[in-house]
N, C-alpha and C. Protein backbone atom coordinates (compact mmCIF):
# COMPACT_ATOMS: atom_id res chain seq x y z
N MET A 1 146.17 87.50 99.91
CA MET A 1 145.63 88.36 100.56
C MET A 1 144.70 87.52 101.60
N ASP A 2 144.39 88.15 102.56
CA ASP A 2 144.03 87.87 104.00
C ASP A 2 142.91 88.17 103.66
N LYS A 3 141.67 86.83 104.01
CA LYS A 3 140.41 86.96 104.14
C LYS A 3 139.73 88.11 105.26
N LYS A 4 140.48 87.87 106.12
CA LYS A 4 140.35 88.97 107.38
C LYS A 4 140.53 90.36 107.10
N THR A 5 141.66 90.59 106.17
CA THR A 5 141.86 91.98 106.16
C THR A 5 140.47 92.39 105.36
N LEU A 6 140.27 92.06 104.52
CA LEU A 6 138.79 92.48 103.71
C LEU A 6 137.78 92.59 104.19
N MET A 7 137.44 91.57 105.37
CA MET A 7 135.87 91.82 106.02
C MET A 7 136.44 92.89 107.28
N PRO A 8 134.80 93.96 106.94
CA PRO A 8 135.01 94.84 107.98
C PRO A 8 134.54 94.63 109.63
N PHE A 9 134.09 93.28 109.46
CA PHE A 9 133.84 92.58 110.95
C PHE A 9 134.52 91.31 111.27
N GLY A 10 134.70 91.00 112.59
CA GLY A 10 135.16 90.01 113.05
C GLY A 10 134.08 88.78 113.11
N ARG A 11 134.53 87.35 113.26
CA ARG A 11 133.68 86.23 113.61
C ARG A 11 132.66 86.77 114.85
N GLY A 12 131.54 86.59 114.62
CA GLY A 12 130.19 87.30 115.38
C GLY A 12 130.02 88.09 116.37
N SER A 13 130.61 89.30 115.20
CA SER A 13 130.40 90.61 115.22
C SER A 13 129.46 91.40 114.21
N ALA A 14 129.31 92.52 114.78
CA ALA A 14 128.30 92.94 113.41
C ALA A 14 129.16 93.77 112.44
N PRO A 15 128.34 93.98 111.14
CA PRO A 15 129.44 94.26 110.37
C PRO A 15 129.56 96.16 111.08
N SER A 16 130.48 96.40 109.79
CA SER A 16 130.88 97.75 110.35
C SER A 16 130.34 98.99 109.50
N ARG A 17 129.47 100.05 110.42
CA ARG A 17 129.00 100.90 109.75
C ARG A 17 129.31 102.42 110.01
N SER A 18 130.61 102.17 109.91
CA SER A 18 131.62 103.40 110.25
C SER A 18 131.58 104.49 109.03
N HIS A 19 131.25 103.99 107.87
CA HIS A 19 131.10 104.28 106.71
C HIS A 19 129.85 105.36 106.30
N GLU A 20 128.52 104.28 106.74
CA GLU A 20 127.15 104.87 106.85
C GLU A 20 126.95 106.26 107.92
N ASP A 21 127.67 105.90 108.76
CA ASP A 21 127.65 107.00 110.58
C ASP A 21 128.38 108.20 109.65
N THR A 22 129.25 107.59 108.91
CA THR A 22 130.08 109.17 108.35
C THR A 22 129.06 110.01 107.39
N PHE A 23 128.63 109.29 106.27
CA PHE A 23 127.58 109.94 105.57
C PHE A 23 126.65 110.45 106.46
N LEU A 24 125.87 109.58 107.07
CA LEU A 24 124.09 110.30 107.58
C LEU A 24 124.89 111.52 108.62
N SER A 25 126.00 111.34 109.20
CA SER A 25 126.47 112.82 110.01
C SER A 25 126.63 113.77 109.18
N LEU A 26 127.44 113.49 107.98
CA LEU A 26 127.40 114.77 106.96
C LEU A 26 126.07 115.22 106.80
N ARG A 27 124.90 114.26 106.12
CA ARG A 27 124.44 114.79 105.90
C ARG A 27 123.04 115.84 106.76
N ARG A 28 123.32 115.30 108.39
CA ARG A 28 123.00 116.02 109.37
C ARG A 28 123.30 117.46 109.55
N GLU A 29 125.03 117.30 109.19
CA GLU A 29 125.49 118.53 109.59
C GLU A 29 125.34 119.85 108.46
N MET A 30 124.81 118.91 107.03
CA MET A 30 124.65 119.95 106.27
C MET A 30 123.33 120.50 105.79
N ASP A 31 122.39 119.52 106.60
CA ASP A 31 120.80 119.94 106.78
C ASP A 31 121.00 121.33 107.92
N GLN A 32 121.53 121.29 109.06
CA GLN A 32 121.80 122.49 109.78
C GLN A 32 122.20 123.31 109.34
N LEU A 33 123.12 122.97 108.19
CA LEU A 33 123.63 124.35 108.01
C LEU A 33 122.68 125.44 107.21
N PHE A 34 122.23 124.51 106.42
CA PHE A 34 121.07 125.14 105.52
C PHE A 34 119.97 125.54 106.16
N ASP A 35 119.56 125.01 107.45
CA ASP A 35 118.26 125.31 108.15
C ASP A 35 118.99 126.84 108.66
N SER A 36 120.20 126.67 109.46
CA SER A 36 120.34 127.88 110.15
C SER A 36 120.57 129.03 109.29
N PHE A 37 121.10 128.64 107.73
CA PHE A 37 121.45 129.70 106.91
C PHE A 37 119.56 130.30 106.50
N THR A 38 118.68 129.62 106.17
CA THR A 38 117.45 129.92 105.97
C THR A 38 116.51 130.65 107.03
N ARG A 39 116.86 129.97 108.49
CA ARG A 39 115.90 130.40 109.21
C ARG A 39 115.46 132.19 109.15
N GLY A 40 116.48 132.80 109.42
CA GLY A 40 116.33 134.02 109.57
C GLY A 40 115.20 134.81 108.24
N TRP A 41 114.70 134.22 107.35
CA TRP A 41 114.19 134.43 106.22
C TRP A 41 112.81 134.11 106.63
N GLY A 42 112.86 133.55 107.60
CA GLY A 42 111.15 133.14 107.91
C GLY A 42 110.45 132.41 106.89
N LEU A 43 111.34 131.52 106.34
CA LEU A 43 111.03 130.33 105.26
C LEU A 43 110.98 128.72 106.07
N PRO A 44 110.24 127.98 105.99
CA PRO A 44 110.20 126.52 106.62
C PRO A 44 111.54 125.98 106.73
N THR A 45 112.24 125.34 107.41
CA THR A 45 113.30 124.38 107.35
C THR A 45 113.14 123.38 106.91
N LEU A 46 114.53 122.67 105.97
CA LEU A 46 114.08 121.16 105.80
C LEU A 46 113.77 120.50 106.82
N ALA A 47 114.17 120.29 108.27
CA ALA A 47 114.06 120.06 109.10
C ALA A 47 112.35 120.24 109.99
N SER A 48 112.05 121.60 109.55
CA SER A 48 110.39 121.68 110.11
C SER A 48 109.55 120.61 108.84
N GLU A 49 108.14 120.57 109.72
CA GLU A 49 107.12 120.26 108.89
C GLU A 49 106.56 121.01 107.97
N SER A 50 106.19 120.26 106.83
CA SER A 50 105.75 120.65 105.45
C SER A 50 104.74 122.08 105.45
N VAL A 51 104.87 123.11 104.86
CA VAL A 51 104.14 124.62 105.15
C VAL A 51 102.36 124.02 105.57
N LEU A 52 102.13 123.39 104.95
CA LEU A 52 100.74 122.93 105.88
C LEU A 52 100.76 121.53 105.66
N SER A 53 101.01 121.06 107.25
CA SER A 53 100.77 119.82 107.65
C SER A 53 99.49 119.68 109.05
N PRO A 54 98.70 119.52 108.82
CA PRO A 54 97.68 120.06 109.89
C PRO A 54 97.85 118.68 110.61
N ARG A 55 97.57 118.71 112.38
CA ARG A 55 97.26 117.72 112.90
C ARG A 55 95.85 117.17 112.92
N VAL A 56 95.32 115.45 112.84
CA VAL A 56 94.56 115.33 112.37
C VAL A 56 93.71 114.40 113.57
N ASP A 57 92.79 114.53 114.40
CA ASP A 57 92.48 113.45 115.29
C ASP A 57 91.33 113.32 114.96
N ILE A 58 91.02 111.65 114.68
CA ILE A 58 89.54 110.86 114.43
C ILE A 58 89.34 110.05 115.77
N VAL A 59 88.06 110.21 116.61
CA VAL A 59 87.47 109.04 117.43
C VAL A 59 86.57 108.92 117.09
N GLU A 60 85.94 107.05 116.91
CA GLU A 60 84.91 106.84 116.46
C GLU A 60 83.93 106.46 117.97
N THR A 61 83.07 107.15 118.25
CA THR A 61 82.67 107.03 119.02
C THR A 61 80.75 105.87 118.92
N GLU A 62 80.10 105.84 119.52
CA GLU A 62 78.92 105.11 119.41
C GLU A 62 77.81 105.51 118.84
N THR A 63 77.82 106.58 118.55
CA THR A 63 76.94 107.58 117.60
C THR A 63 77.85 107.66 116.06
N GLY A 64 78.58 107.76 116.13
CA GLY A 64 79.36 108.13 114.76
C GLY A 64 81.13 108.08 115.14
N LEU A 65 81.43 109.27 114.28
CA LEU A 65 82.79 109.33 114.14
C LEU A 65 83.30 111.13 114.30
N GLU A 66 84.15 111.54 115.19
CA GLU A 66 84.49 112.91 115.56
C GLU A 66 85.70 113.37 114.97
N MET A 67 86.10 114.22 114.44
CA MET A 67 87.02 114.12 113.69
C MET A 67 87.86 115.87 114.06
N THR A 68 88.69 116.14 114.51
CA THR A 68 89.30 117.42 114.64
C THR A 68 90.59 117.22 113.88
N ALA A 69 90.94 118.87 113.22
CA ALA A 69 91.94 119.46 112.78
C ALA A 69 92.16 120.29 112.73
N GLU A 70 93.46 120.68 112.88
CA GLU A 70 93.87 121.98 113.16
C GLU A 70 94.54 122.08 112.14
N LEU A 71 93.96 123.86 111.42
CA LEU A 71 93.99 124.39 110.57
C LEU A 71 94.27 126.09 110.84
N PRO A 72 95.40 126.05 111.34
CA PRO A 72 95.29 127.60 111.86
C PRO A 72 96.33 128.68 110.92
N GLY A 73 95.25 130.07 110.77
CA GLY A 73 95.43 131.02 109.68
C GLY A 73 95.11 130.27 108.23
N ILE A 74 94.16 129.77 108.41
CA ILE A 74 93.57 129.27 107.25
C ILE A 74 91.97 129.26 106.91
N ASP A 75 92.20 130.05 105.83
CA ASP A 75 90.33 130.88 105.95
C ASP A 75 89.30 129.84 105.43
N PRO A 76 87.96 129.76 106.23
CA PRO A 76 87.07 128.95 105.86
C PRO A 76 86.50 128.50 104.69
N LYS A 77 87.30 129.74 104.05
CA LYS A 77 86.77 129.24 102.44
C LYS A 77 87.66 128.53 101.65
N ALA A 78 88.71 128.66 102.31
CA ALA A 78 89.73 127.52 101.67
C ALA A 78 89.59 126.44 101.97
N ILE A 79 88.97 125.77 103.01
CA ILE A 79 88.87 124.37 103.23
C ILE A 79 87.44 123.83 102.31
N GLU A 80 87.67 122.66 101.94
CA GLU A 80 86.91 121.12 101.18
C GLU A 80 86.53 120.44 101.96
N LEU A 81 86.16 120.03 102.09
CA LEU A 81 85.05 118.65 102.90
C LEU A 81 84.28 117.73 101.95
N GLU A 82 84.41 116.70 101.77
CA GLU A 82 83.78 116.04 100.98
C GLU A 82 83.34 114.52 101.04
N LEU A 83 82.82 113.70 101.17
CA LEU A 83 81.92 112.60 101.48
C LEU A 83 81.71 112.16 99.86
N ASP A 84 82.65 110.84 99.23
CA ASP A 84 82.65 110.57 98.68
C ASP A 84 82.59 108.41 99.15
N ASP A 85 81.40 108.03 98.81
CA ASP A 85 81.04 106.36 98.93
C ASP A 85 81.03 106.69 100.57
N ASP A 86 82.36 105.89 101.31
CA ASP A 86 82.67 105.99 102.57
C ASP A 86 83.77 106.76 103.06
N VAL A 87 84.32 107.40 101.83
CA VAL A 87 85.64 107.96 102.14
C VAL A 87 85.39 109.61 102.44
N LEU A 88 85.62 110.14 103.28
CA LEU A 88 85.72 111.48 103.82
C LEU A 88 87.28 112.21 103.18
N THR A 89 87.14 113.07 102.63
CA THR A 89 88.17 113.73 102.24
C THR A 89 88.36 115.58 102.79
N LEU A 90 89.53 115.59 102.97
CA LEU A 90 89.74 117.10 104.13
C LEU A 90 90.95 117.68 102.88
N LYS A 91 90.53 119.32 102.11
CA LYS A 91 91.43 119.93 101.28
C LYS A 91 90.96 120.81 101.77
N ALA A 92 92.78 121.45 102.05
CA ALA A 92 92.74 122.85 102.46
C ALA A 92 94.03 123.46 102.26
N GLU A 93 93.91 125.07 101.55
CA GLU A 93 94.57 125.52 101.09
C GLU A 93 95.57 126.59 101.92
N ARG A 94 96.29 127.12 101.76
CA ARG A 94 96.80 128.47 102.67
C ARG A 94 97.42 129.27 102.09
N LYS A 95 97.08 130.26 101.85
CA LYS A 95 98.32 131.62 100.76
C LYS A 95 98.28 132.42 101.80
N ALA A 96 99.27 132.76 102.18
CA ALA A 96 99.86 133.97 102.62
C ALA A 96 101.42 134.98 102.14
N GLU A 97 100.92 136.27 102.70
CA GLU A 97 102.08 137.05 101.98
C GLU A 97 102.42 138.35 102.82
N ARG A 98 103.74 138.42 103.09
CA ARG A 98 104.57 139.26 103.72
C ARG A 98 105.29 140.29 103.09
N GLU A 99 104.88 141.65 103.63
CA GLU A 99 105.68 142.82 102.94
C GLU A 99 106.31 143.40 103.99
N GLU A 100 107.60 143.62 103.98
CA GLU A 100 108.52 144.95 104.17
C GLU A 100 109.06 145.94 103.43
N LYS A 101 109.13 147.32 103.86
CA LYS A 101 110.05 147.97 103.45
C LYS A 101 110.67 148.71 104.48
N ASP A 102 111.97 149.75 103.49
CA ASP A 102 112.38 150.47 104.62
C ASP A 102 113.03 151.61 103.45
N ASP A 103 111.89 152.83 103.23
CA ASP A 103 112.61 153.66 102.56
C ASP A 103 113.90 154.48 102.36
N LYS A 104 114.71 154.34 104.02
CA LYS A 104 115.72 154.54 104.07
C LYS A 104 117.00 154.02 103.12
N ARG A 105 116.59 152.73 103.25
CA ARG A 105 118.27 151.99 102.36
C ARG A 105 117.54 151.10 101.52
N ARG A 106 116.20 151.77 100.45
CA ARG A 106 115.63 151.66 99.28
C ARG A 106 115.77 150.27 99.55
N TYR A 107 114.89 149.49 100.50
CA TYR A 107 114.92 147.74 100.73
C TYR A 107 113.25 147.81 100.56
N HIS A 108 112.78 146.68 99.70
CA HIS A 108 111.38 146.19 99.47
C HIS A 108 112.02 144.52 99.45
N LEU A 109 111.15 144.16 100.15
CA LEU A 109 110.92 142.36 100.24
C LEU A 109 109.43 142.23 100.34
N THR A 110 109.10 141.37 99.48
CA THR A 110 107.76 140.91 99.63
C THR A 110 107.87 139.23 99.36
N GLU A 111 106.97 138.53 100.17
CA GLU A 111 107.11 136.87 100.28
C GLU A 111 106.10 136.65 99.98
N ARG A 112 105.89 135.70 99.71
CA ARG A 112 104.32 134.55 99.04
C ARG A 112 104.56 133.25 99.68
N SER A 113 103.55 132.80 100.61
CA SER A 113 103.91 131.17 100.35
C SER A 113 102.34 131.10 100.56
N THR A 114 102.34 129.24 99.81
CA THR A 114 101.17 129.04 99.84
C THR A 114 101.99 127.33 100.42
N GLY A 115 100.78 126.89 100.73
CA GLY A 115 100.58 125.21 100.89
C GLY A 115 99.28 124.95 100.60
N THR A 116 99.34 123.47 100.07
CA THR A 116 98.07 123.29 99.81
C THR A 116 98.00 121.37 100.83
N TYR A 117 97.22 121.11 101.00
CA TYR A 117 96.91 119.68 101.70
C TYR A 117 95.65 119.01 101.76
N MET A 118 95.67 117.84 101.61
CA MET A 118 94.64 116.90 101.03
C MET A 118 94.86 115.51 101.79
N ARG A 119 93.98 115.09 102.34
CA ARG A 119 93.86 113.99 103.02
C ARG A 119 92.68 113.54 103.17
N SER A 120 92.51 111.36 102.71
CA SER A 120 91.34 110.99 102.81
C SER A 120 91.10 110.44 104.21
N PHE A 121 90.20 110.07 103.98
CA PHE A 121 90.17 108.69 105.85
C PHE A 121 88.55 107.94 105.29
N SER A 122 89.26 106.70 105.26
CA SER A 122 88.17 106.00 105.03
C SER A 122 87.19 105.22 106.18
N LEU A 123 85.89 105.58 106.06
CA LEU A 123 85.24 105.58 107.53
C LEU A 123 85.23 104.17 107.44
N PRO A 124 84.87 103.81 108.61
CA PRO A 124 84.90 101.83 108.97
C PRO A 124 83.47 101.73 109.13
N PHE A 125 82.36 102.45 108.50
CA PHE A 125 80.35 102.35 108.45
C PHE A 125 80.28 103.34 108.03
N THR A 126 78.52 103.24 107.49
CA THR A 126 78.14 103.49 106.17
C THR A 126 77.51 104.93 107.26
N PRO A 127 78.14 106.59 106.63
CA PRO A 127 77.82 107.50 107.61
C PRO A 127 75.94 108.40 107.15
N ASP A 128 75.71 108.37 107.98
CA ASP A 128 74.30 109.45 107.45
C ASP A 128 74.34 110.68 107.07
N ARG A 129 74.13 110.61 105.18
CA ARG A 129 75.46 111.77 104.77
C ARG A 129 74.33 112.76 105.07
N ASP A 130 73.22 113.04 105.52
CA ASP A 130 72.50 114.26 105.72
C ASP A 130 72.62 114.91 106.55
N LYS A 131 73.32 114.17 107.92
CA LYS A 131 73.34 114.63 109.60
C LYS A 131 75.09 114.97 109.64
N ILE A 132 75.68 115.30 108.61
CA ILE A 132 77.06 115.38 108.71
C ILE A 132 77.44 116.68 109.12
N THR A 133 78.00 117.41 110.18
CA THR A 133 78.52 119.31 110.54
C THR A 133 79.86 119.20 110.31
N ALA A 134 79.82 120.48 109.67
CA ALA A 134 81.33 120.18 110.32
C ALA A 134 81.44 122.06 110.36
N ASP A 135 82.26 122.49 111.79
CA ASP A 135 82.46 123.90 112.46
C ASP A 135 84.09 124.32 112.22
N PHE A 136 84.14 125.59 111.87
CA PHE A 136 85.53 125.93 112.22
C PHE A 136 85.12 126.79 113.18
N ASP A 137 86.48 126.93 114.08
CA ASP A 137 86.21 128.10 115.05
C ASP A 137 87.90 128.04 115.40
N LYS A 138 88.21 129.36 115.16
CA LYS A 138 89.95 129.75 116.23
C LYS A 138 90.67 128.57 115.38
N GLY A 139 90.52 128.86 114.23
CA GLY A 139 91.52 127.54 113.47
C GLY A 139 91.65 126.20 113.59
N VAL A 140 90.37 125.49 114.22
CA VAL A 140 90.01 124.17 114.16
C VAL A 140 88.91 123.61 113.63
N LEU A 141 89.11 122.96 112.72
CA LEU A 141 88.00 122.21 112.02
C LEU A 141 87.58 120.77 112.47
N LYS A 142 86.18 120.84 113.33
CA LYS A 142 85.25 119.79 113.95
C LYS A 142 84.33 119.74 113.12
N VAL A 143 84.63 117.87 112.79
CA VAL A 143 83.49 117.68 112.18
C VAL A 143 82.87 116.33 112.52
N MET A 144 81.55 116.53 112.88
CA MET A 144 80.82 115.23 112.94
C MET A 144 79.91 113.95 112.00
N VAL A 145 80.43 112.78 112.38
CA VAL A 145 79.60 111.68 110.93
C VAL A 145 78.97 111.36 111.52
N PRO A 146 77.65 111.23 111.92
CA PRO A 146 76.84 110.03 112.66
C PRO A 146 76.68 108.82 111.75
N ARG A 147 76.21 107.95 112.33
CA ARG A 147 76.02 106.48 111.65
C ARG A 147 74.88 106.25 111.20
N SER A 148 74.52 105.90 110.30
CA SER A 148 73.13 105.48 109.58
C SER A 148 73.06 104.10 108.93
N PRO A 149 71.75 104.23 109.02
CA PRO A 149 71.32 102.58 108.48
C PRO A 149 71.72 102.51 107.11
N ASP A 150 72.03 101.41 106.11
CA ASP A 150 72.55 102.00 104.79
C ASP A 150 71.70 102.39 104.27
N GLN A 151 72.04 103.42 103.52
CA GLN A 151 72.10 104.81 102.59
C GLN A 151 73.29 104.36 101.03
N PRO A 152 72.23 104.89 100.31
CA PRO A 152 73.21 105.09 98.88
C PRO A 152 74.38 106.05 98.88
N LYS A 153 75.45 105.16 98.12
CA LYS A 153 76.84 105.64 98.07
C LYS A 153 76.72 106.91 97.25
N SER A 154 77.14 107.96 97.44
CA SER A 154 77.36 108.90 96.38
C SER A 154 78.56 110.07 97.01
N THR A 155 78.65 110.93 96.27
CA THR A 155 79.63 112.19 96.34
C THR A 155 78.64 113.33 97.33
N LYS A 156 79.23 113.98 98.40
CA LYS A 156 78.22 114.74 98.65
C LYS A 156 79.26 115.84 99.24
N ARG A 157 79.04 117.29 99.14
CA ARG A 157 79.72 118.15 99.39
C ARG A 157 79.09 118.93 100.82
N ILE A 158 80.26 118.93 101.83
CA ILE A 158 79.38 119.38 103.22
C ILE A 158 80.31 120.59 103.49
N GLU A 159 78.97 122.05 103.61
CA GLU A 159 79.35 123.40 103.73
C GLU A 159 80.16 123.04 105.21
N ILE A 160 81.13 124.00 105.46
CA ILE A 160 82.09 124.17 106.59
C ILE A 160 81.24 125.93 107.17
N ARG A 161 80.58 126.13 108.52
CA ARG A 161 79.94 126.78 108.78
C ARG A 161 81.23 127.24 109.70
N PRO A 162 81.57 129.24 109.50
CA PRO A 162 82.61 129.76 110.14
C PRO A 162 82.09 130.32 111.51
N ALA A 163 83.00 130.41 112.21
CA ALA A 163 82.34 130.69 113.62
C ALA A 163 81.51 131.92 113.76
N ALA A 164 80.17 132.18 114.66
CA ALA A 164 79.64 133.01 114.42
C ALA A 164 80.02 134.54 114.97
């Protein structure tokens, strides 16, 4: 047998990826098929972001750290913010329910969607634990973490104030 016929590439050329491209293409087509099939149900699709995946911005300033997290549709009571040593942890849970009825067609549908989120951020400095504030307004959580001279490390739960 000739070695050239067994090799998927020639001298100086890259290996053939046609078999990889075929399977990748097939996978994408299957994902699109399932996405289009479930899109009308109001469910998250395979290609979309997870049920609860908020965007978080963190900016370090001269006075400390400012964190902004987008949490639309989340009840402020379902958000937890904790500082453990120099690690700030954000936890949130969303519960949504949708109900549709059509008595003429004897049709009834109830859908429930839940999602949880937890993310921890290591702070690059020792925070002033007693001056940390968190405000929640129109689906946006804003957390201010001021710098502090050395303080003892421990866990502290931070109250989230809903908009007035």
